[in-house]
Structure formats: structure tokens, C-alpha cells
Amino acid sequence: RLTEDYRQRGEEWENPTLEQFLEALAAWVADAGPSWYERY
């Protein structure tokens, strides 16, 4: 489903390139530790 979403509206993603996507993924995982997960 995520792949299909990219095909249909990838230009709307904040991070549409692989480089931007991976940087954002690393930042989110770093920021979204166990306390964030429990809180949200």
C-alpha cells in the first residue's frame, strides 16, 4: 500500500527522494523512542 501511495502521490510526500526518505526515517526513529511510543 505504501508503494502504491508513492506511485499515486509521491510528489506530495515531504521526503520524495530515497535520500530524503532515509534521512527522515533515521530522524523519526531516533526521536520516537520508547517514551514517545508510550505517550502517543
Full PDB file with SEQRES, HELIX, SHEET, SSBOND, CRYST1, ORIGX, SCALE, CONECT and MASTER records, all heavy atoms in Angstrom:
SEQRES   1 A   40  ARG LEU THR GLU ASP TYR ARG GLN ARG GLY GLU GLU TRP          
SEQRES   2 A   40  GLU ASN PRO THR LEU GLU GLN PHE LEU GLU ALA LEU ALA          
SEQRES   3 A   40  ALA TRP VAL ALA ASP ALA GLY PRO SER TRP TYR GLU ARG          
SEQRES   4 A   40  TYR                                                          
HELIX    1 AA1 LEU A    2  ARG A    9  1                                   8    
HELIX    2 AA2 GLY A   10  GLU A   12  5                                   3    
HELIX    3 AA3 LEU A   18  ASP A   31  1                                  14    
HELIX    4 AA4 PRO A   34  ARG A   39  1                                   6    
CRYST1    1.000    1.000    1.000  90.00  90.00  90.00 P 1           1          
ORIGX1      1.000000  0.000000  0.000000        0.00000                         
ORIGX2      0.000000  1.000000  0.000000        0.00000                         
ORIGX3      0.000000  0.000000  1.000000        0.00000                         
SCALE1      1.000000  0.000000  0.000000        0.00000                         
SCALE2      0.000000  1.000000  0.000000        0.00000                         
SCALE3      0.000000  0.000000  1.000000        0.00000                         
ATOM      1  N   ARG A   1       0.829  -1.213   0.000  1.00  0.00           N  
ATOM      2  CA  ARG A   1       0.000   0.000   0.000  1.00  0.00           C  
ATOM      3  C   ARG A   1       0.861   1.260   0.000  1.00  0.00           C  
ATOM      4  O   ARG A   1       0.537   2.250  -0.670  1.00  0.00           O  
ATOM      5  CB  ARG A   1      -0.946   0.005   1.194  1.00  0.00           C  
ATOM      6  CG  ARG A   1      -2.009  -1.077   1.149  1.00  0.00           C  
ATOM      7  CD  ARG A   1      -3.108  -0.902   2.191  1.00  0.00           C  
ATOM      8  NE  ARG A   1      -2.652  -0.601   3.530  1.00  0.00           N  
ATOM      9  CZ  ARG A   1      -2.460  -1.504   4.498  1.00  0.00           C  
ATOM     10  NH1 ARG A   1      -2.654  -2.792   4.256  1.00  0.00           N  
ATOM     11  NH2 ARG A   1      -2.079  -1.127   5.698  1.00  0.00           N  
ATOM     12  N   LEU A   2       1.965   1.239   0.742  1.00  0.00           N  
ATOM     13  CA  LEU A   2       2.862   2.395   0.784  1.00  0.00           C  
ATOM     14  C   LEU A   2       3.472   2.641  -0.597  1.00  0.00           C  
ATOM     15  O   LEU A   2       3.562   3.790  -1.048  1.00  0.00           O  
ATOM     16  CB  LEU A   2       3.956   2.170   1.831  1.00  0.00           C  
ATOM     17  CG  LEU A   2       4.884   3.344   2.103  1.00  0.00           C  
ATOM     18  CD1 LEU A   2       4.107   4.527   2.690  1.00  0.00           C  
ATOM     19  CD2 LEU A   2       5.997   2.921   3.063  1.00  0.00           C  
ATOM     20  N   THR A   3       3.856   1.577  -1.278  1.00  0.00           N  
ATOM     21  CA  THR A   3       4.388   1.700  -2.640  1.00  0.00           C  
ATOM     22  C   THR A   3       3.354   2.311  -3.575  1.00  0.00           C  
ATOM     23  O   THR A   3       3.659   3.203  -4.370  1.00  0.00           O  
ATOM     24  CB  THR A   3       4.830   0.315  -3.173  1.00  0.00           C  
ATOM     25  OG1 THR A   3       5.821  -0.209  -2.304  1.00  0.00           O  
ATOM     26  CG2 THR A   3       5.364   0.404  -4.583  1.00  0.00           C  
ATOM     27  N   GLU A   4       2.120   1.845  -3.481  1.00  0.00           N  
ATOM     28  CA  GLU A   4       1.050   2.387  -4.324  1.00  0.00           C  
ATOM     29  C   GLU A   4       0.792   3.863  -4.005  1.00  0.00           C  
ATOM     30  O   GLU A   4       0.562   4.669  -4.900  1.00  0.00           O  
ATOM     31  CB  GLU A   4      -0.228   1.566  -4.157  1.00  0.00           C  
ATOM     32  CG  GLU A   4      -1.336   1.953  -5.103  1.00  0.00           C  
ATOM     33  CD  GLU A   4      -0.952   1.855  -6.577  1.00  0.00           C  
ATOM     34  OE1 GLU A   4      -0.131   0.994  -6.939  1.00  0.00           O  
ATOM     35  OE2 GLU A   4      -1.481   2.656  -7.370  1.00  0.00           O  
ATOM     36  N   ASP A   5       0.848   4.216  -2.730  1.00  0.00           N  
ATOM     37  CA  ASP A   5       0.681   5.614  -2.333  1.00  0.00           C  
ATOM     38  C   ASP A   5       1.764   6.473  -2.973  1.00  0.00           C  
ATOM     39  O   ASP A   5       1.492   7.555  -3.482  1.00  0.00           O  
ATOM     40  CB  ASP A   5       0.722   5.741  -0.812  1.00  0.00           C  
ATOM     41  CG  ASP A   5       0.393   7.143  -0.341  1.00  0.00           C  
ATOM     42  OD1 ASP A   5      -0.784   7.556  -0.499  1.00  0.00           O  
ATOM     43  OD2 ASP A   5       1.292   7.829   0.171  1.00  0.00           O  
ATOM     44  N   TYR A   6       2.996   5.969  -2.981  1.00  0.00           N  
ATOM     45  CA  TYR A   6       4.088   6.715  -3.610  1.00  0.00           C  
ATOM     46  C   TYR A   6       3.843   6.869  -5.107  1.00  0.00           C  
ATOM     47  O   TYR A   6       4.036   7.942  -5.673  1.00  0.00           O  
ATOM     48  CB  TYR A   6       5.431   6.029  -3.355  1.00  0.00           C  
ATOM     49  CG  TYR A   6       6.560   6.781  -4.012  1.00  0.00           C  
ATOM     50  CD1 TYR A   6       7.047   7.951  -3.439  1.00  0.00           C  
ATOM     51  CD2 TYR A   6       7.102   6.346  -5.206  1.00  0.00           C  
ATOM     52  CE1 TYR A   6       8.058   8.665  -4.050  1.00  0.00           C  
ATOM     53  CE2 TYR A   6       8.112   7.049  -5.829  1.00  0.00           C  
ATOM     54  CZ  TYR A   6       8.592   8.210  -5.245  1.00  0.00           C  
ATOM     55  OH  TYR A   6       9.594   8.913  -5.861  1.00  0.00           O  
ATOM     56  N   ARG A   7       3.395   5.809  -5.748  1.00  0.00           N  
ATOM     57  CA  ARG A   7       3.123   5.876  -7.196  1.00  0.00           C  
ATOM     58  C   ARG A   7       2.043   6.912  -7.502  1.00  0.00           C  
ATOM     59  O   ARG A   7       2.118   7.628  -8.495  1.00  0.00           O  
ATOM     60  CB  ARG A   7       2.682   4.514  -7.720  1.00  0.00           C  
ATOM     61  CG  ARG A   7       3.799   3.533  -7.854  1.00  0.00           C  
ATOM     62  CD  ARG A   7       3.316   2.236  -8.497  1.00  0.00           C  
ATOM     63  NE  ARG A   7       4.409   1.286  -8.557  1.00  0.00           N  
ATOM     64  CZ  ARG A   7       4.342   0.036  -8.101  1.00  0.00           C  
ATOM     65  NH1 ARG A   7       3.213  -0.435  -7.601  1.00  0.00           N  
ATOM     66  NH2 ARG A   7       5.375  -0.761  -8.185  1.00  0.00           N  
ATOM     67  N   GLN A   8       1.032   6.982  -6.641  1.00  0.00           N  
ATOM     68  CA  GLN A   8      -0.101   7.864  -6.907  1.00  0.00           C  
ATOM     69  C   GLN A   8       0.139   9.304  -6.475  1.00  0.00           C  
ATOM     70  O   GLN A   8      -0.376  10.228  -7.095  1.00  0.00           O  
ATOM     71  CB  GLN A   8      -1.358   7.331  -6.228  1.00  0.00           C  
ATOM     72  CG  GLN A   8      -1.851   6.055  -6.868  1.00  0.00           C  
ATOM     73  CD  GLN A   8      -3.173   5.584  -6.285  1.00  0.00           C  
ATOM     74  OE1 GLN A   8      -3.795   6.250  -5.467  1.00  0.00           O  
ATOM     75  NE2 GLN A   8      -3.609   4.414  -6.705  1.00  0.00           N  
ATOM     76  N   ARG A   9       0.888   9.506  -5.376  1.00  0.00           N  
ATOM     77  CA  ARG A   9       1.039  10.872  -4.884  1.00  0.00           C  
ATOM     78  C   ARG A   9       2.396  11.147  -4.251  1.00  0.00           C  
ATOM     79  O   ARG A   9       2.528  11.977  -3.358  1.00  0.00           O  
ATOM     80  CB  ARG A   9      -0.084  11.227  -3.917  1.00  0.00           C  
ATOM     81  CG  ARG A   9      -0.275  10.293  -2.767  1.00  0.00           C  
ATOM     82  CD  ARG A   9      -1.367  10.737  -1.781  1.00  0.00           C  
ATOM     83  NE  ARG A   9      -0.945  10.357  -0.445  1.00  0.00           N  
ATOM     84  CZ  ARG A   9      -0.256  11.102   0.401  1.00  0.00           C  
ATOM     85  NH1 ARG A   9       0.073  12.324   0.077  1.00  0.00           N  
ATOM     86  NH2 ARG A   9       0.115  10.654   1.579  1.00  0.00           N  
ATOM     87  N   GLY A  10       3.423  10.460  -4.737  1.00  0.00           N  
ATOM     88  CA  GLY A  10       4.765  10.628  -4.187  1.00  0.00           C  
ATOM     89  C   GLY A  10       5.264  12.060  -4.233  1.00  0.00           C  
ATOM     90  O   GLY A  10       6.029  12.488  -3.363  1.00  0.00           O  
ATOM     91  N   GLU A  11       4.816  12.824  -5.233  1.00  0.00           N  
ATOM     92  CA  GLU A  11       5.251  14.224  -5.319  1.00  0.00           C  
ATOM     93  C   GLU A  11       4.715  15.056  -4.158  1.00  0.00           C  
ATOM     94  O   GLU A  11       5.223  16.136  -3.886  1.00  0.00           O  
ATOM     95  CB  GLU A  11       4.838  14.845  -6.657  1.00  0.00           C  
ATOM     96  CG  GLU A  11       3.346  15.074  -6.840  1.00  0.00           C  
ATOM     97  CD  GLU A  11       2.547  13.814  -7.172  1.00  0.00           C  
ATOM     98  OE1 GLU A  11       3.136  12.772  -7.501  1.00  0.00           O  
ATOM     99  OE2 GLU A  11       1.305  13.894  -7.099  1.00  0.00           O  
ATOM    100  N   GLU A  12       3.712  14.544  -3.443  1.00  0.00           N  
ATOM    101  CA  GLU A  12       3.155  15.252  -2.284  1.00  0.00           C  
ATOM    102  C   GLU A  12       3.881  14.894  -0.986  1.00  0.00           C  
ATOM    103  O   GLU A  12       3.707  15.563   0.023  1.00  0.00           O  
ATOM    104  CB  GLU A  12       1.673  14.913  -2.125  1.00  0.00           C  
ATOM    105  CG  GLU A  12       0.813  15.352  -3.290  1.00  0.00           C  
ATOM    106  CD  GLU A  12      -0.611  14.856  -3.166  1.00  0.00           C  
ATOM    107  OE1 GLU A  12      -1.068  14.583  -2.043  1.00  0.00           O  
ATOM    108  OE2 GLU A  12      -1.267  14.716  -4.210  1.00  0.00           O  
ATOM    109  N   TRP A  13       4.663  13.846  -0.994  1.00  0.00           N  
ATOM    110  CA  TRP A  13       5.390  13.448   0.210  1.00  0.00           C  
ATOM    111  C   TRP A  13       6.398  14.534   0.574  1.00  0.00           C  
ATOM    112  O   TRP A  13       7.016  15.136  -0.314  1.00  0.00           O  
ATOM    113  CB  TRP A  13       6.132  12.144  -0.015  1.00  0.00           C  
ATOM    114  CG  TRP A  13       5.300  10.892  -0.040  1.00  0.00           C  
ATOM    115  CD1 TRP A  13       3.948  10.801  -0.207  1.00  0.00           C  
ATOM    116  CD2 TRP A  13       5.778   9.562   0.091  1.00  0.00           C  
ATOM    117  NE1 TRP A  13       3.560   9.484  -0.189  1.00  0.00           N  
ATOM    118  CE2 TRP A  13       4.667   8.699  -0.003  1.00  0.00           C  
ATOM    119  CE3 TRP A  13       7.035   9.013   0.261  1.00  0.00           C  
ATOM    120  CZ2 TRP A  13       4.789   7.317   0.079  1.00  0.00           C  
ATOM    121  CZ3 TRP A  13       7.154   7.636   0.342  1.00  0.00           C  
ATOM    122  CH2 TRP A  13       6.033   6.808   0.263  1.00  0.00           C  
ATOM    123  N   GLU A  14       6.585  14.761   1.836  1.00  0.00           N  
ATOM    124  CA  GLU A  14       7.589  15.713   2.304  1.00  0.00           C  
ATOM    125  C   GLU A  14       8.988  15.266   1.875  1.00  0.00           C  
ATOM    126  O   GLU A  14       9.857  16.085   1.599  1.00  0.00           O  
ATOM    127  CB  GLU A  14       7.525  15.828   3.833  1.00  0.00           C  
ATOM    128  CG  GLU A  14       8.524  16.778   4.433  1.00  0.00           C  
ATOM    129  CD  GLU A  14       8.222  18.241   4.153  1.00  0.00           C  
ATOM    130  OE1 GLU A  14       7.038  18.594   3.974  1.00  0.00           O  
ATOM    131  OE2 GLU A  14       9.183  19.047   4.100  1.00  0.00           O  
ATOM    132  N   ASN A  15       9.199  13.963   1.817  1.00  0.00           N  
ATOM    133  CA  ASN A  15      10.514  13.393   1.506  1.00  0.00           C  
ATOM    134  C   ASN A  15      10.399  12.428   0.324  1.00  0.00           C  
ATOM    135  O   ASN A  15      10.408  11.210   0.506  1.00  0.00           O  
ATOM    136  CB  ASN A  15      11.064  12.668   2.742  1.00  0.00           C  
ATOM    137  CG  ASN A  15      11.142  13.620   3.920  1.00  0.00           C  
ATOM    138  OD1 ASN A  15      11.859  14.602   3.879  1.00  0.00           O  
ATOM    139  ND2 ASN A  15      10.384  13.343   4.959  1.00  0.00           N  
ATOM    140  N   PRO A  16      10.302  12.955  -0.900  1.00  0.00           N  
ATOM    141  CA  PRO A  16      10.018  12.108  -2.053  1.00  0.00           C  
ATOM    142  C   PRO A  16      11.221  11.379  -2.651  1.00  0.00           C  
ATOM    143  O   PRO A  16      11.040  10.492  -3.465  1.00  0.00           O  
ATOM    144  CB  PRO A  16       9.425  13.086  -3.064  1.00  0.00           C  
ATOM    145  CG  PRO A  16      10.093  14.383  -2.736  1.00  0.00           C  
ATOM    146  CD  PRO A  16      10.254  14.372  -1.239  1.00  0.00           C  
ATOM    147  N   THR A  17      12.454  11.750  -2.267  1.00  0.00           N  
ATOM    148  CA  THR A  17      13.614  11.021  -2.792  1.00  0.00           C  
ATOM    149  C   THR A  17      14.062   9.989  -1.767  1.00  0.00           C  
ATOM    150  O   THR A  17      13.791  10.125  -0.563  1.00  0.00           O  
ATOM    151  CB  THR A  17      14.799  11.959  -3.097  1.00  0.00           C  
ATOM    152  OG1 THR A  17      15.330  12.457  -1.863  1.00  0.00           O  
ATOM    153  CG2 THR A  17      14.389  13.109  -4.011  1.00  0.00           C  
ATOM    154  N   LEU A  18      14.751   8.980  -2.220  1.00  0.00           N  
ATOM    155  CA  LEU A  18      15.230   7.944  -1.305  1.00  0.00           C  
ATOM    156  C   LEU A  18      16.141   8.549  -0.238  1.00  0.00           C  
ATOM    157  O   LEU A  18      16.037   8.214   0.950  1.00  0.00           O  
ATOM    158  CB  LEU A  18      15.954   6.839  -2.078  1.00  0.00           C  
ATOM    159  CG  LEU A  18      16.487   5.684  -1.232  1.00  0.00           C  
ATOM    160  CD1 LEU A  18      15.358   5.018  -0.450  1.00  0.00           C  
ATOM    161  CD2 LEU A  18      17.213   4.684  -2.117  1.00  0.00           C  
ATOM    162  N   GLU A  19      17.013   9.449  -0.635  1.00  0.00           N  
ATOM    163  CA  GLU A  19      17.922  10.088   0.320  1.00  0.00           C  
ATOM    164  C   GLU A  19      17.144  10.839   1.405  1.00  0.00           C  
ATOM    165  O   GLU A  19      17.393  10.662   2.600  1.00  0.00           O  
ATOM    166  CB  GLU A  19      18.861  11.051  -0.406  1.00  0.00           C  
ATOM    167  CG  GLU A  19      19.825  11.762   0.533  1.00  0.00           C  
ATOM    168  CD  GLU A  19      20.748  12.732  -0.198  1.00  0.00           C  
ATOM    169  OE1 GLU A  19      20.435  13.133  -1.341  1.00  0.00           O  
ATOM    170  OE2 GLU A  19      21.768  13.072   0.395  1.00  0.00           O  
ATOM    171  N   GLN A  20      16.185  11.661   1.005  1.00  0.00           N  
ATOM    172  CA  GLN A  20      15.381  12.408   1.977  1.00  0.00           C  
ATOM    173  C   GLN A  20      14.563  11.457   2.844  1.00  0.00           C  
ATOM    174  O   GLN A  20      14.422  11.659   4.051  1.00  0.00           O  
ATOM    175  CB  GLN A  20      14.453  13.387   1.262  1.00  0.00           C  
ATOM    176  CG  GLN A  20      15.166  14.539   0.599  1.00  0.00           C  
ATOM    177  CD  GLN A  20      14.210  15.346  -0.256  1.00  0.00           C  
ATOM    178  OE1 GLN A  20      13.376  14.800  -0.981  1.00  0.00           O  
ATOM    179  NE2 GLN A  20      14.330  16.656  -0.178  1.00  0.00           N  
ATOM    180  N   PHE A  21      13.992  10.437   2.230  1.00  0.00           N  
ATOM    181  CA  PHE A  21      13.179   9.466   2.951  1.00  0.00           C  
ATOM    182  C   PHE A  21      13.999   8.773   4.034  1.00  0.00           C  
ATOM    183  O   PHE A  21      13.581   8.666   5.187  1.00  0.00           O  
ATOM    184  CB  PHE A  21      12.614   8.448   1.951  1.00  0.00           C  
ATOM    185  CG  PHE A  21      11.695   7.433   2.550  1.00  0.00           C  
ATOM    186  CD1 PHE A  21      10.338   7.692   2.672  1.00  0.00           C  
ATOM    187  CD2 PHE A  21      12.173   6.207   2.974  1.00  0.00           C  
ATOM    188  CE1 PHE A  21       9.471   6.742   3.210  1.00  0.00           C  
ATOM    189  CE2 PHE A  21      11.322   5.251   3.521  1.00  0.00           C  
ATOM    190  CZ  PHE A  21       9.970   5.524   3.631  1.00  0.00           C  
ATOM    191  N   LEU A  22      15.200   8.305   3.689  1.00  0.00           N  
ATOM    192  CA  LEU A  22      16.038   7.602   4.658  1.00  0.00           C  
ATOM    193  C   LEU A  22      16.516   8.527   5.775  1.00  0.00           C  
ATOM    194  O   LEU A  22      16.585   8.128   6.942  1.00  0.00           O  
ATOM    195  CB  LEU A  22      17.215   6.939   3.957  1.00  0.00           C  
ATOM    196  CG  LEU A  22      16.845   5.774   3.028  1.00  0.00           C  
ATOM    197  CD1 LEU A  22      18.065   5.299   2.246  1.00  0.00           C  
ATOM    198  CD2 LEU A  22      16.203   4.636   3.799  1.00  0.00           C  
ATOM    199  N   GLU A  23      16.832   9.779   5.438  1.00  0.00           N  
ATOM    200  CA  GLU A  23      17.220  10.748   6.470  1.00  0.00           C  
ATOM    201  C   GLU A  23      16.063  10.983   7.438  1.00  0.00           C  
ATOM    202  O   GLU A  23      16.253  11.021   8.657  1.00  0.00           O  
ATOM    203  CB  GLU A  23      17.654  12.063   5.836  1.00  0.00           C  
ATOM    204  CG  GLU A  23      19.004  11.991   5.165  1.00  0.00           C  
ATOM    205  CD  GLU A  23      19.360  13.273   4.415  1.00  0.00           C  
ATOM    206  OE1 GLU A  23      18.512  14.185   4.288  1.00  0.00           O  
ATOM    207  OE2 GLU A  23      20.502  13.357   3.939  1.00  0.00           O  
ATOM    208  N   ALA A  24      14.855  11.143   6.906  1.00  0.00           N  
ATOM    209  CA  ALA A  24      13.683  11.363   7.751  1.00  0.00           C  
ATOM    210  C   ALA A  24      13.373  10.124   8.583  1.00  0.00           C  
ATOM    211  O   ALA A  24      12.999  10.224   9.755  1.00  0.00           O  
ATOM    212  CB  ALA A  24      12.470  11.732   6.893  1.00  0.00           C  
ATOM    213  N   LEU A  25      13.537   8.942   7.997  1.00  0.00           N  
ATOM    214  CA  LEU A  25      13.306   7.705   8.721  1.00  0.00           C  
ATOM    215  C   LEU A  25      14.259   7.608   9.913  1.00  0.00           C  
ATOM    216  O   LEU A  25      13.841   7.315  11.034  1.00  0.00           O  
ATOM    217  CB  LEU A  25      13.481   6.508   7.785  1.00  0.00           C  
ATOM    218  CG  LEU A  25      13.293   5.119   8.380  1.00  0.00           C  
ATOM    219  CD1 LEU A  25      11.908   4.964   8.990  1.00  0.00           C  
ATOM    220  CD2 LEU A  25      13.537   4.067   7.311  1.00  0.00           C  
ATOM    221  N   ALA A  26      15.530   7.879   9.687  1.00  0.00           N  
ATOM    222  CA  ALA A  26      16.508   7.844  10.778  1.00  0.00           C  
ATOM    223  C   ALA A  26      16.163   8.870  11.855  1.00  0.00           C  
ATOM    224  O   ALA A  26      16.222   8.566  13.057  1.00  0.00           O  
ATOM    225  CB  ALA A  26      17.917   8.101  10.234  1.00  0.00           C  
ATOM    226  N   ALA A  27      15.768  10.067  11.455  1.00  0.00           N  
ATOM    227  CA  ALA A  27      15.421  11.109  12.430  1.00  0.00           C  
ATOM    228  C   ALA A  27      14.190  10.725  13.236  1.00  0.00           C  
ATOM    229  O   ALA A  27      14.154  10.900  14.460  1.00  0.00           O  
ATOM    230  CB  ALA A  27      15.183  12.439  11.709  1.00  0.00           C  
ATOM    231  N   TRP A  28      13.177  10.187  12.573  1.00  0.00           N  
ATOM    232  CA  TRP A  28      11.955   9.814  13.292  1.00  0.00           C  
ATOM    233  C   TRP A  28      12.221   8.686  14.271  1.00  0.00           C  
ATOM    234  O   TRP A  28      11.771   8.715  15.407  1.00  0.00           O  
ATOM    235  CB  TRP A  28      10.848   9.417  12.315  1.00  0.00           C  
ATOM    236  CG  TRP A  28       9.541   9.189  13.004  1.00  0.00           C  
ATOM    237  CD1 TRP A  28       8.605  10.143  13.318  1.00  0.00           C  
ATOM    238  CD2 TRP A  28       9.021   7.945  13.489  1.00  0.00           C  
ATOM    239  NE1 TRP A  28       7.532   9.549  13.962  1.00  0.00           N  
ATOM    240  CE2 TRP A  28       7.767   8.204  14.078  1.00  0.00           C  
ATOM    241  CE3 TRP A  28       9.488   6.639  13.470  1.00  0.00           C  
ATOM    242  CZ2 TRP A  28       6.988   7.205  14.641  1.00  0.00           C  
ATOM    243  CZ3 TRP A  28       8.707   5.649  14.031  1.00  0.00           C  
ATOM    244  CH2 TRP A  28       7.471   5.941  14.614  1.00  0.00           C  
ATOM    245  N   VAL A  29      12.968   7.661  13.842  1.00  0.00           N  
ATOM    246  CA  VAL A  29      13.262   6.544  14.738  1.00  0.00           C  
ATOM    247  C   VAL A  29      14.070   7.027  15.937  1.00  0.00           C  
ATOM    248  O   VAL A  29      13.822   6.624  17.076  1.00  0.00           O  
ATOM    249  CB  VAL A  29      13.979   5.399  13.984  1.00  0.00           C  
ATOM    250  CG1 VAL A  29      14.504   4.341  14.937  1.00  0.00           C  
ATOM    251  CG2 VAL A  29      13.028   4.764  12.965  1.00  0.00           C  
ATOM    252  N   ALA A  30      15.013   7.937  15.705  1.00  0.00           N  
ATOM    253  CA  ALA A  30      15.808   8.489  16.811  1.00  0.00           C  
ATOM    254  C   ALA A  30      14.924   9.272  17.778  1.00  0.00           C  
ATOM    255  O   ALA A  30      15.073   9.168  19.002  1.00  0.00           O  
ATOM    256  CB  ALA A  30      16.925   9.371  16.274  1.00  0.00           C  
ATOM    257  N   ASP A  31      14.005  10.056  17.246  1.00  0.00           N  
ATOM    258  CA  ASP A  31      13.131  10.888  18.082  1.00  0.00           C  
ATOM    259  C   ASP A  31      12.000  10.090  18.720  1.00  0.00           C  
ATOM    260  O   ASP A  31      11.509  10.451  19.784  1.00  0.00           O  
ATOM    261  CB  ASP A  31      12.512  12.023  17.258  1.00  0.00           C  
ATOM    262  CG  ASP A  31      13.536  13.073  16.848  1.00  0.00           C  
ATOM    263  OD1 ASP A  31      14.656  13.069  17.403  1.00  0.00           O  
ATOM    264  OD2 ASP A  31      13.221  13.882  15.962  1.00  0.00           O  
ATOM    265  N   ALA A  32      11.562   9.032  18.068  1.00  0.00           N  
ATOM    266  CA  ALA A  32      10.391   8.270  18.513  1.00  0.00           C  
ATOM    267  C   ALA A  32      10.815   7.061  19.336  1.00  0.00           C  
ATOM    268  O   ALA A  32      10.509   5.930  18.994  1.00  0.00           O  
ATOM    269  CB  ALA A  32       9.550   7.840  17.319  1.00  0.00           C  
ATOM    270  N   GLY A  33      11.503   7.311  20.400  1.00  0.00           N  
ATOM    271  CA  GLY A  33      11.933   6.230  21.279  1.00  0.00           C  
ATOM    272  C   GLY A  33      10.774   5.676  22.083  1.00  0.00           C  
ATOM    273  O   GLY A  33       9.614   6.045  21.897  1.00  0.00           O  
ATOM    274  N   PRO A  34      11.081   4.765  23.015  1.00  0.00           N  
ATOM    275  CA  PRO A  34      10.033   4.110  23.809  1.00  0.00           C  
ATOM    276  C   PRO A  34       9.109   5.079  24.539  1.00  0.00           C  
ATOM    277  O   PRO A  34       7.904   4.845  24.598  1.00  0.00           O  
ATOM    278  CB  PRO A  34      10.826   3.254  24.786  1.00  0.00           C  
ATOM    279  CG  PRO A  34      12.111   2.990  24.080  1.00  0.00           C  
ATOM    280  CD  PRO A  34      12.397   4.247  23.286  1.00  0.00           C  
ATOM    281  N   SER A  35       9.623   6.180  25.084  1.00  0.00           N  
ATOM    282  CA  SER A  35       8.738   7.102  25.813  1.00  0.00           C  
ATOM    283  C   SER A  35       7.761   7.793  24.858  1.00  0.00           C  
ATOM    284  O   SER A  35       6.600   7.998  25.191  1.00  0.00           O  
ATOM    285  CB  SER A  35       9.551   8.136  26.586  1.00  0.00           C  
ATOM    286  OG  SER A  35      10.305   8.945  25.698  1.00  0.00           O  
ATOM    287  N   TRP A  36       8.212   8.123  23.655  1.00  0.00           N  
ATOM    288  CA  TRP A  36       7.312   8.724  22.664  1.00  0.00           C  
ATOM    289  C   TRP A  36       6.223   7.732  22.299  1.00  0.00           C  
ATOM    290  O   TRP A  36       5.046   8.066  22.243  1.00  0.00           O  
ATOM    291  CB  TRP A  36       8.091   9.114  21.404  1.00  0.00           C  
ATOM    292  CG  TRP A  36       7.203   9.650  20.313  1.00  0.00           C  
ATOM    293  CD1 TRP A  36       6.895  10.948  20.089  1.00  0.00           C  
ATOM    294  CD2 TRP A  36       6.488   8.894  19.324  1.00  0.00           C  
ATOM    295  NE1 TRP A  36       6.036  11.046  19.018  1.00  0.00           N  
ATOM    296  CE2 TRP A  36       5.764   9.808  18.536  1.00  0.00           C  
ATOM    297  CE3 TRP A  36       6.379   7.544  19.041  1.00  0.00           C  
ATOM    298  CZ2 TRP A  36       4.963   9.409  17.471  1.00  0.00           C  
ATOM    299  CZ3 TRP A  36       5.571   7.140  17.990  1.00  0.00           C  
ATOM    300  CH2 TRP A  36       4.884   8.076  17.215  1.00  0.00           C  
ATOM    301  N   TYR A  37       6.619   6.512  22.061  1.00  0.00           N  
ATOM    302  CA  TYR A  37       5.664   5.485  21.645  1.00  0.00           C  
ATOM    303  C   TYR A  37       4.600   5.281  22.707  1.00  0.00           C  
ATOM    304  O   TYR A  37       3.406   5.222  22.407  1.00  0.00           O  
ATOM    305  CB  TYR A  37       6.414   4.173  21.363  1.00  0.00           C  
ATOM    306  CG  TYR A  37       5.588   3.161  20.605  1.00  0.00           C  
ATOM    307  CD1 TYR A  37       5.466   3.241  19.227  1.00  0.00           C  
ATOM    308  CD2 TYR A  37       4.940   2.131  21.266  1.00  0.00           C  
ATOM    309  CE1 TYR A  37       4.718   2.324  18.525  1.00  0.00           C  
ATOM    310  CE2 TYR A  37       4.188   1.200  20.569  1.00  0.00           C  
ATOM    311  CZ  TYR A  37       4.082   1.300  19.202  1.00  0.00           C  
ATOM    312  OH  TYR A  37       3.335   0.391  18.507  1.00  0.00           O  
ATOM    313  N   GLU A  38       5.023   5.204  23.951  1.00  0.00           N  
ATOM    314  CA  GLU A  38       4.065   5.006  25.041  1.00  0.00           C  
ATOM    315  C   GLU A  38       3.131   6.208  25.175  1.00  0.00           C  
ATOM    316  O   GLU A  38       1.929   6.055  25.337  1.00  0.00           O  
ATOM    317  CB  GLU A  38       4.804   4.753  26.354  1.00  0.00           C  
ATOM    318  CG  GLU A  38       3.874   4.389  27.489  1.00  0.00           C  
ATOM    319  CD  GLU A  38       4.630   3.925  28.724  1.00  0.00           C  
ATOM    320  OE1 GLU A  38       5.857   3.791  28.675  1.00  0.00           O  
ATOM    321  OE2 GLU A  38       3.965   3.698  29.742  1.00  0.00           O  
ATOM    322  N   ARG A  39       3.670   7.401  25.064  1.00  0.00           N  
ATOM    323  CA  ARG A  39       2.873   8.620  25.209  1.00  0.00           C  
ATOM    324  C   ARG A  39       1.831   8.748  24.098  1.00  0.00           C  
ATOM    325  O   ARG A  39       0.682   9.074  24.343  1.00  0.00           O  
ATOM    326  CB  ARG A  39       3.799   9.838  25.227  1.00  0.00           C  
ATOM    327  CG  ARG A  39       3.098  11.143  25.506  1.00  0.00           C  
ATOM    328  CD  ARG A  39       4.060  12.310  25.767  1.00  0.00           C  
ATOM    329  NE  ARG A  39       5.064  12.482  24.738  1.00  0.00           N  
ATOM    330  CZ  ARG A  39       6.378  12.304  24.905  1.00  0.00           C  
ATOM    331  NH1 ARG A  39       6.868  11.938  26.067  1.00  0.00           N  
ATOM    332  NH2 ARG A  39       7.222  12.485  23.911  1.00  0.00           N  
ATOM    333  N   TYR A  40       2.232   8.487  22.845  1.00  0.00           N  
ATOM    334  CA  TYR A  40       1.319   8.707  21.727  1.00  0.00           C  
ATOM    335  C   TYR A  40       0.552   7.471  21.267  1.00  0.00           C  
ATOM    336  O   TYR A  40      -0.494   7.603  20.652  1.00  0.00           O  
ATOM    337  CB  TYR A  40       2.069   9.330  20.541  1.00  0.00           C  
ATOM    338  CG  TYR A  40       2.511  10.729  20.852  1.00  0.00           C  
ATOM    339  CD1 TYR A  40       3.821  11.008  21.199  1.00  0.00           C  
ATOM    340  CD2 TYR A  40       1.605  11.784  20.856  1.00  0.00           C  
ATOM    341  CE1 TYR A  40       4.229  12.293  21.515  1.00  0.00           C  
ATOM    342  CE2 TYR A  40       1.995  13.065  21.170  1.00  0.00           C  
ATOM    343  CZ  TYR A  40       3.312  13.311  21.495  1.00  0.00           C  
ATOM    344  OH  TYR A  40       3.704  14.587  21.815  1.00  0.00           O  
TER     345      TYR A  40                                                      
MASTER        0    0    0    4    0    0    0    6  344    1    0    4          
END                                                                             
